[in-house]
Amino acid sequence: MAKALLLSDVDGDGLEETGWVLLYLHIATEGKIAVGTPVSIEPEDRISLLQERKCYRNHVHIARKYNSEWMNATGAIPFTLSGWSPYQGQREYLGGLTRGNQVVSASTVGSQESLVSY
């Protein structure tokens, strides 16, 4: 099964090997932005729709690289988005996000309790 993904070259030099690169996985191919299209980082800007497969509808993966090295979301430079910081669970897919005193645990079934908004 193919996984639709989008790579965003944040520094805009056209090289995935330099600077920051963001990866989005499980996004739709229909409506996806064209290669080379500048991407705004404004919250209301749409990059793509979620991939229309039943198993992917409730989530998207996002990861980052810096100078070709994958960066751990909970490492020395946490991957904080709109104030939400990740925490690592006992195993894969058991972590979550915190913002202030709010805690959201990951859910494999896309439960309402795991919904995060900015």
Protein backbone atom coordinates (compact mmCIF):
# COMPACT_ATOMS: atom_id res chain seq x y z
CA MET A 1 0.00 0.00 0.00
CA ALA A 2 1.51 3.32 -1.07
CA LYS A 3 1.76 6.05 1.52
CA ALA A 4 1.22 9.57 0.26
CA LEU A 5 3.74 11.98 1.71
CA LEU A 6 4.85 15.55 1.39
CA LEU A 7 8.33 16.91 2.10
CA SER A 8 8.63 20.61 2.85
CA ASP A 9 12.08 22.15 2.34
CA VAL A 10 11.78 24.86 4.98
CA ASP A 11 14.92 26.80 4.01
CA GLY A 12 13.80 26.83 0.36
CA ASP A 13 17.15 25.87 -1.16
CA GLY A 14 15.63 22.90 -3.00
CA LEU A 15 17.92 20.43 -1.24
CA GLU A 16 16.52 17.88 1.17
CA GLU A 17 20.03 17.35 2.54
CA THR A 18 20.46 20.86 3.99
CA GLY A 19 18.57 22.82 6.60
CA TRP A 20 15.18 21.88 8.02
CA VAL A 21 12.84 19.53 6.16
CA LEU A 22 9.36 18.58 7.40
CA LEU A 23 7.73 15.30 6.40
CA TYR A 24 3.96 14.78 6.39
CA LEU A 25 2.62 11.22 5.91
CA HIS A 26 -0.88 9.92 5.11
CA ILE A 27 -1.99 12.91 3.10
CA ALA A 28 -4.13 12.86 -0.01
CA THR A 29 -2.61 13.08 -3.46
CA GLU A 30 -5.70 14.92 -4.69
CA GLY A 31 -5.46 18.58 -3.78
CA LYS A 32 -1.82 18.27 -2.69
CA ILE A 33 0.27 21.33 -3.44
CA ALA A 34 2.55 21.17 -6.47
CA VAL A 35 6.30 20.60 -6.20
CA GLY A 36 8.07 23.92 -5.73
CA THR A 37 5.03 25.74 -4.32
CA PRO A 38 6.02 27.97 -1.38
CA VAL A 39 4.34 26.82 1.84
CA SER A 40 3.17 29.34 4.40
CA ILE A 41 3.42 28.43 8.07
CA GLU A 42 0.17 30.16 8.97
CA PRO A 43 -2.18 27.82 10.90
CA GLU A 44 -5.11 28.32 8.53
CA ASP A 45 -3.12 27.41 5.39
CA ARG A 46 -3.90 23.98 3.95
CA ILE A 47 -1.05 21.81 2.70
CA SER A 48 -3.25 18.85 1.82
CA LEU A 49 -6.19 16.79 2.93
CA LEU A 50 -5.82 13.61 4.93
CA GLN A 51 -5.48 10.55 2.73
CA GLU A 52 -8.92 9.10 2.02
CA ARG A 53 -8.32 5.59 3.26
CA LYS A 54 -10.26 4.32 6.20
CA CYS A 55 -7.16 3.44 8.21
CA TYR A 56 -5.58 6.90 7.70
CA ARG A 57 -8.56 9.22 8.05
CA ASN A 58 -8.02 10.09 11.68
CA HIS A 59 -4.36 11.03 11.74
CA VAL A 60 -1.31 12.38 10.00
CA HIS A 61 2.35 11.81 10.84
CA ILE A 62 4.78 14.70 10.91
CA ALA A 63 8.54 14.40 11.32
CA ARG A 64 11.56 16.63 10.78
CA LYS A 65 15.14 16.45 9.61
CA TYR A 66 17.99 18.89 9.99
CA ASN A 67 20.91 18.58 7.56
CA SER A 68 19.71 15.04 6.63
CA GLU A 69 19.53 13.85 10.26
CA TRP A 70 16.15 12.82 11.65
CA MET A 71 15.39 14.78 14.81
CA ASN A 72 13.76 13.01 17.75
CA ALA A 73 10.52 14.79 18.65
CA THR A 74 11.30 14.47 22.37
CA GLY A 75 15.05 15.05 22.09
CA ALA A 76 17.26 18.01 22.93
CA ILE A 77 15.18 20.25 20.64
CA PRO A 78 11.55 19.19 21.28
CA PHE A 79 9.20 19.35 18.29
CA THR A 80 6.83 21.90 19.81
CA LEU A 81 3.83 22.95 17.69
CA SER A 82 1.49 25.73 18.85
CA GLY A 83 2.73 25.21 22.40
CA TRP A 84 2.14 21.43 22.34
CA SER A 85 5.28 19.48 23.31
CA PRO A 86 5.62 15.73 22.75
CA TYR A 87 6.41 13.14 25.39
CA GLN A 88 7.60 9.61 24.78
CA GLY A 89 5.57 6.62 25.94
CA GLN A 90 6.68 3.15 27.06
CA ARG A 91 6.43 1.95 23.41
CA GLU A 92 5.79 3.40 19.96
CA TYR A 93 2.38 5.09 19.63
CA LEU A 94 1.95 5.38 23.42
CA GLY A 95 3.29 8.92 23.84
CA GLY A 96 1.37 12.13 23.61
CA LEU A 97 1.45 15.89 23.87
CA THR A 98 1.40 18.42 26.70
CA ARG A 99 0.64 22.12 26.74
CA GLY A 100 0.67 23.79 30.12
CA ASN A 101 -1.38 21.51 32.38
CA GLN A 102 -3.16 19.84 29.42
CA VAL A 103 -2.12 16.27 28.57
CA VAL A 104 -3.28 14.40 25.48
CA SER A 105 -2.33 10.75 25.11
CA ALA A 106 -2.02 9.10 21.72
CA SER A 107 -4.88 6.89 20.61
CA THR A 108 -4.78 4.13 18.02
CA VAL A 109 -8.53 4.53 17.39
CA GLY A 110 -8.70 8.32 17.00
CA SER A 111 -10.76 8.93 20.12
CA GLN A 112 -12.13 12.38 20.97
CA GLU A 113 -9.72 12.55 23.94
CA SER A 114 -6.75 12.50 21.56
CA LEU A 115 -7.96 15.44 19.47
CA VAL A 116 -5.55 18.39 19.49
CA SER A 117 -6.24 21.82 18.04
CA TYR A 118 -4.31 25.07 18.11
